[in-house]
Amino acid sequence: EMEIIAVDDPSTGTSVSSYLPGPSQPGSLVEPQPSCSKDSAAVYPTSSVVVEAENYLLKKKIVDLEHELEHLKVRFSFNHIKGNDSLILLYTGLPNTTIFMA
């Protein structure tokens, strides 16, 4: 789900929009950013909205990379493949665990 944040910059008379994706999964550490209303648009200057959007995206990337790191920490070992004869064949060239262990 994408969230659009639009802010009017009073100094230039232009409107700036930022798109923020929602969290990648429920329970994620990154909280979705609230959308801005017309009243709150004047409170945040354009650069602040850009910084907030960048902050949000960087926090999300950190969480995603931490999940990937945890996945990659799992070491390859015989215990991971011993129950699957096709993997035994692939990695050892032997047809099954029994022959490998003989």
N, C-alpha and C. Protein backbone atom coordinates (compact mmCIF):
# COMPACT_ATOMS: atom_id res chain seq x y z
N GLU A 1 0.85 -1.17 0.00
CA GLU A 1 0.00 0.00 0.00
C GLU A 1 0.89 1.23 0.00
N MET A 2 0.65 2.14 -0.92
CA MET A 2 1.43 3.37 -1.00
C MET A 2 0.67 4.50 -0.34
N GLU A 3 1.40 5.36 0.32
CA GLU A 3 0.81 6.52 0.96
C GLU A 3 1.40 7.75 0.31
N ILE A 4 0.56 8.70 -0.06
CA ILE A 4 1.01 9.91 -0.73
C ILE A 4 0.99 11.04 0.28
N ILE A 5 2.12 11.74 0.36
CA ILE A 5 2.19 12.92 1.22
C ILE A 5 2.40 14.11 0.30
N ALA A 6 1.49 15.07 0.36
CA ALA A 6 1.60 16.28 -0.46
C ALA A 6 1.72 17.49 0.45
N VAL A 7 2.67 18.37 0.14
CA VAL A 7 2.89 19.56 0.95
C VAL A 7 3.04 20.75 0.02
N ASP A 8 2.36 21.84 0.36
CA ASP A 8 2.51 23.09 -0.39
C ASP A 8 3.68 23.86 0.19
N ASP A 9 4.57 24.31 -0.69
CA ASP A 9 5.70 25.13 -0.27
C ASP A 9 5.31 26.59 -0.45
N PRO A 10 5.05 27.32 0.66
CA PRO A 10 4.59 28.70 0.54
C PRO A 10 5.63 29.61 -0.10
N SER A 11 6.92 29.30 0.02
CA SER A 11 7.94 30.17 -0.54
C SER A 11 7.96 30.15 -2.07
N THR A 12 7.58 29.02 -2.66
CA THR A 12 7.59 28.93 -4.12
C THR A 12 6.20 28.82 -4.72
N GLY A 13 5.22 28.53 -3.87
CA GLY A 13 3.86 28.37 -4.36
C GLY A 13 3.63 27.05 -5.07
N THR A 14 4.56 26.10 -4.90
CA THR A 14 4.42 24.79 -5.56
C THR A 14 4.04 23.73 -4.53
N SER A 15 3.60 22.61 -5.05
CA SER A 15 3.22 21.49 -4.19
C SER A 15 4.20 20.35 -4.44
N VAL A 16 4.64 19.71 -3.37
CA VAL A 16 5.58 18.60 -3.46
C VAL A 16 4.88 17.35 -2.96
N SER A 17 4.97 16.26 -3.72
CA SER A 17 4.36 14.99 -3.31
C SER A 17 5.45 13.96 -3.09
N SER A 18 5.29 13.15 -2.05
CA SER A 18 6.20 12.04 -1.77
C SER A 18 5.37 10.78 -1.65
N TYR A 19 5.88 9.68 -2.16
CA TYR A 19 5.20 8.40 -2.05
C TYR A 19 5.93 7.55 -1.03
N LEU A 20 5.22 7.07 -0.04
CA LEU A 20 5.81 6.22 0.99
C LEU A 20 5.12 4.86 0.97
N PRO A 21 5.89 3.77 0.80
CA PRO A 21 5.27 2.45 0.86
C PRO A 21 4.92 2.10 2.29
N GLY A 22 3.92 1.24 2.46
CA GLY A 22 3.57 0.76 3.79
C GLY A 22 4.61 -0.23 4.26
N PRO A 23 4.53 -0.70 5.50
CA PRO A 23 5.51 -1.66 5.99
C PRO A 23 5.48 -2.96 5.19
N SER A 24 6.64 -3.61 5.07
CA SER A 24 6.74 -4.80 4.24
C SER A 24 6.01 -5.99 4.82
N GLN A 25 5.85 -6.04 6.13
CA GLN A 25 5.16 -7.15 6.74
C GLN A 25 4.55 -6.71 8.06
N PRO A 26 3.48 -7.37 8.48
CA PRO A 26 2.87 -7.01 9.75
C PRO A 26 3.87 -7.19 10.88
N GLY A 27 3.84 -6.28 11.83
CA GLY A 27 4.75 -6.36 12.96
C GLY A 27 6.13 -5.82 12.64
N SER A 28 6.29 -5.21 11.48
CA SER A 28 7.57 -4.65 11.10
C SER A 28 7.95 -3.54 12.06
N LEU A 29 9.25 -3.32 12.23
CA LEU A 29 9.71 -2.27 13.13
C LEU A 29 9.45 -0.88 12.57
N VAL A 30 9.28 -0.79 11.26
CA VAL A 30 9.05 0.50 10.64
C VAL A 30 7.56 0.79 10.66
N GLU A 31 7.19 1.90 11.24
CA GLU A 31 5.79 2.27 11.33
C GLU A 31 5.40 3.09 10.10
N PRO A 32 4.18 2.94 9.58
CA PRO A 32 3.75 3.77 8.46
C PRO A 32 3.67 5.22 8.89
N GLN A 33 4.00 6.11 7.97
CA GLN A 33 3.96 7.54 8.26
C GLN A 33 2.55 8.07 8.09
N PRO A 34 2.12 8.97 8.97
CA PRO A 34 0.79 9.54 8.83
C PRO A 34 0.72 10.45 7.61
N SER A 35 -0.45 10.53 7.00
CA SER A 35 -0.60 11.41 5.85
C SER A 35 -0.82 12.83 6.34
N CYS A 36 -0.42 13.79 5.53
CA CYS A 36 -0.54 15.20 5.91
C CYS A 36 -1.88 15.75 5.45
N SER A 37 -2.49 16.55 6.26
CA SER A 37 -3.71 17.24 5.88
C SER A 37 -3.34 18.64 5.44
N LYS A 38 -4.31 19.39 4.94
CA LYS A 38 -4.07 20.77 4.53
C LYS A 38 -3.55 21.61 5.69
N ASP A 39 -4.09 21.38 6.90
CA ASP A 39 -3.68 22.15 8.08
C ASP A 39 -2.23 21.87 8.45
N SER A 40 -1.81 20.62 8.39
CA SER A 40 -0.45 20.29 8.80
C SER A 40 0.56 20.55 7.69
N ALA A 41 0.11 20.76 6.46
CA ALA A 41 1.02 21.00 5.35
C ALA A 41 1.85 22.25 5.56
N ALA A 42 1.28 23.27 6.18
CA ALA A 42 2.01 24.50 6.40
C ALA A 42 3.07 24.33 7.48
N VAL A 43 2.92 23.37 8.36
CA VAL A 43 3.86 23.17 9.45
C VAL A 43 5.17 22.58 8.95
N TYR A 44 5.12 21.70 7.94
CA TYR A 44 6.31 21.02 7.45
C TYR A 44 6.80 21.68 6.17
N PRO A 45 7.99 22.26 6.19
CA PRO A 45 8.54 22.78 4.94
C PRO A 45 8.90 21.62 4.01
N THR A 46 9.06 21.91 2.73
CA THR A 46 9.32 20.88 1.73
C THR A 46 10.52 20.02 2.09
N SER A 47 11.61 20.64 2.50
CA SER A 47 12.82 19.86 2.81
C SER A 47 12.57 18.90 3.96
N SER A 48 11.73 19.27 4.91
CA SER A 48 11.43 18.40 6.04
C SER A 48 10.68 17.16 5.58
N VAL A 49 9.75 17.32 4.66
CA VAL A 49 8.99 16.19 4.14
C VAL A 49 9.92 15.24 3.39
N VAL A 50 10.81 15.79 2.60
CA VAL A 50 11.75 14.96 1.86
C VAL A 50 12.65 14.20 2.82
N VAL A 51 13.12 14.86 3.87
CA VAL A 51 13.97 14.21 4.87
C VAL A 51 13.19 13.11 5.58
N GLU A 52 11.94 13.38 5.95
CA GLU A 52 11.11 12.37 6.61
C GLU A 52 10.89 11.17 5.69
N ALA A 53 10.62 11.41 4.41
CA ALA A 53 10.42 10.32 3.47
C ALA A 53 11.70 9.50 3.31
N GLU A 54 12.82 10.19 3.20
CA GLU A 54 14.10 9.49 3.07
C GLU A 54 14.40 8.68 4.33
N ASN A 55 14.14 9.27 5.50
CA ASN A 55 14.32 8.58 6.78
C ASN A 55 13.50 7.30 6.82
N TYR A 56 12.24 7.40 6.44
CA TYR A 56 11.34 6.25 6.44
C TYR A 56 11.87 5.15 5.54
N LEU A 57 12.26 5.51 4.32
CA LEU A 57 12.75 4.52 3.36
C LEU A 57 14.05 3.88 3.83
N LEU A 58 14.93 4.67 4.45
CA LEU A 58 16.18 4.11 4.96
C LEU A 58 15.94 3.16 6.13
N LYS A 59 15.00 3.50 7.01
CA LYS A 59 14.66 2.60 8.13
C LYS A 59 14.09 1.29 7.59
N LYS A 60 13.25 1.39 6.57
CA LYS A 60 12.67 0.18 5.96
C LYS A 60 13.77 -0.67 5.34
N LYS A 61 14.72 -0.03 4.67
CA LYS A 61 15.83 -0.77 4.05
C LYS A 61 16.67 -1.47 5.12
N ILE A 62 16.90 -0.81 6.25
CA ILE A 62 17.65 -1.43 7.35
C ILE A 62 16.95 -2.69 7.83
N VAL A 63 15.64 -2.60 8.04
CA VAL A 63 14.87 -3.76 8.50
C VAL A 63 14.95 -4.89 7.47
N ASP A 64 14.78 -4.55 6.19
CA ASP A 64 14.85 -5.57 5.14
C ASP A 64 16.23 -6.24 5.10
N LEU A 65 17.30 -5.44 5.23
CA LEU A 65 18.65 -5.99 5.20
C LEU A 65 18.94 -6.84 6.44
N GLU A 66 18.38 -6.45 7.59
CA GLU A 66 18.55 -7.26 8.80
C GLU A 66 17.88 -8.62 8.63
N HIS A 67 16.70 -8.64 8.00
CA HIS A 67 16.01 -9.92 7.73
C HIS A 67 16.84 -10.78 6.78
N GLU A 68 17.38 -10.16 5.74
CA GLU A 68 18.20 -10.89 4.78
C GLU A 68 19.46 -11.44 5.46
N LEU A 69 20.08 -10.64 6.32
CA LEU A 69 21.27 -11.07 7.04
C LEU A 69 20.98 -12.29 7.92
N GLU A 70 19.87 -12.27 8.63
CA GLU A 70 19.49 -13.41 9.46
C GLU A 70 19.31 -14.67 8.61
N HIS A 71 18.71 -14.50 7.44
CA HIS A 71 18.52 -15.64 6.53
C HIS A 71 19.86 -16.19 6.04
N LEU A 72 20.79 -15.29 5.75
CA LEU A 72 22.09 -15.70 5.22
C LEU A 72 23.02 -16.27 6.29
N LYS A 73 22.71 -16.05 7.56
CA LYS A 73 23.54 -16.57 8.65
C LYS A 73 23.41 -18.08 8.81
N VAL A 74 22.37 -18.67 8.24
CA VAL A 74 22.18 -20.12 8.34
C VAL A 74 23.30 -20.79 7.55
N ARG A 75 24.12 -21.56 8.25
CA ARG A 75 25.26 -22.23 7.61
C ARG A 75 24.82 -23.48 6.87
N PHE A 76 25.50 -23.74 5.79
CA PHE A 76 25.26 -24.96 5.03
C PHE A 76 25.93 -26.11 5.78
N SER A 77 25.20 -27.19 6.00
CA SER A 77 25.78 -28.37 6.64
C SER A 77 25.06 -29.62 6.14
N PHE A 78 25.68 -30.74 6.42
CA PHE A 78 25.10 -32.02 6.03
C PHE A 78 23.73 -32.22 6.67
N ASN A 79 23.56 -31.72 7.89
CA ASN A 79 22.28 -31.86 8.59
C ASN A 79 21.12 -31.22 7.82
N HIS A 80 21.40 -30.21 7.03
CA HIS A 80 20.36 -29.55 6.25
C HIS A 80 19.91 -30.37 5.04
N ILE A 81 20.79 -31.25 4.55
CA ILE A 81 20.45 -31.99 3.32
C ILE A 81 20.28 -33.49 3.53
N LYS A 82 20.60 -34.01 4.71
CA LYS A 82 20.65 -35.47 4.91
C LYS A 82 19.32 -36.18 4.67
N GLY A 83 18.20 -35.49 4.78
CA GLY A 83 16.91 -36.13 4.56
C GLY A 83 16.41 -36.05 3.14
N ASN A 84 17.20 -35.49 2.24
CA ASN A 84 16.76 -35.28 0.86
C ASN A 84 17.77 -35.92 -0.10
N ASP A 85 17.41 -37.08 -0.64
CA ASP A 85 18.33 -37.81 -1.51
C ASP A 85 18.73 -37.02 -2.75
N SER A 86 17.83 -36.20 -3.28
CA SER A 86 18.20 -35.43 -4.48
C SER A 86 19.27 -34.39 -4.14
N LEU A 87 19.22 -33.81 -2.94
CA LEU A 87 20.27 -32.86 -2.54
C LEU A 87 21.58 -33.59 -2.24
N ILE A 88 21.50 -34.79 -1.65
CA ILE A 88 22.71 -35.59 -1.41
C ILE A 88 23.39 -35.87 -2.74
N LEU A 89 22.60 -36.27 -3.73
CA LEU A 89 23.14 -36.54 -5.06
C LEU A 89 23.75 -35.27 -5.67
N LEU A 90 23.06 -34.17 -5.54
CA LEU A 90 23.54 -32.91 -6.11
C LEU A 90 24.88 -32.49 -5.50
N TYR A 91 24.99 -32.51 -4.19
CA TYR A 91 26.18 -32.00 -3.52
C TYR A 91 27.31 -33.01 -3.36
N THR A 92 27.01 -34.32 -3.35
CA THR A 92 28.07 -35.31 -3.12
C THR A 92 28.31 -36.21 -4.32
N GLY A 93 27.33 -36.33 -5.19
CA GLY A 93 27.46 -37.26 -6.30
C GLY A 93 27.06 -38.68 -5.92
N LEU A 94 26.70 -38.88 -4.66
CA LEU A 94 26.26 -40.19 -4.18
C LEU A 94 24.74 -40.21 -4.14
N PRO A 95 24.12 -41.37 -4.37
CA PRO A 95 22.66 -41.42 -4.53
C PRO A 95 21.84 -41.18 -3.26
N ASN A 96 22.40 -41.46 -2.07
CA ASN A 96 21.59 -41.28 -0.86
C ASN A 96 22.46 -41.18 0.39
N THR A 97 21.84 -40.89 1.52
CA THR A 97 22.54 -40.70 2.79
C THR A 97 23.22 -41.99 3.25
N THR A 98 22.57 -43.13 3.05
CA THR A 98 23.12 -44.41 3.50
C THR A 98 24.48 -44.68 2.86
N ILE A 99 24.57 -44.47 1.58
CA ILE A 99 25.84 -44.69 0.87
C ILE A 99 26.86 -43.64 1.30
N PHE A 100 26.44 -42.40 1.49
CA PHE A 100 27.35 -41.34 1.94
C PHE A 100 27.95 -41.69 3.30
N MET A 101 27.14 -42.24 4.20
CA MET A 101 27.59 -42.54 5.56
C MET A 101 28.40 -43.85 5.64
N ALA A 102 28.35 -44.69 4.58
CA ALA A 102 29.05 -45.99 4.62
C ALA A 102 30.55 -45.84 4.56
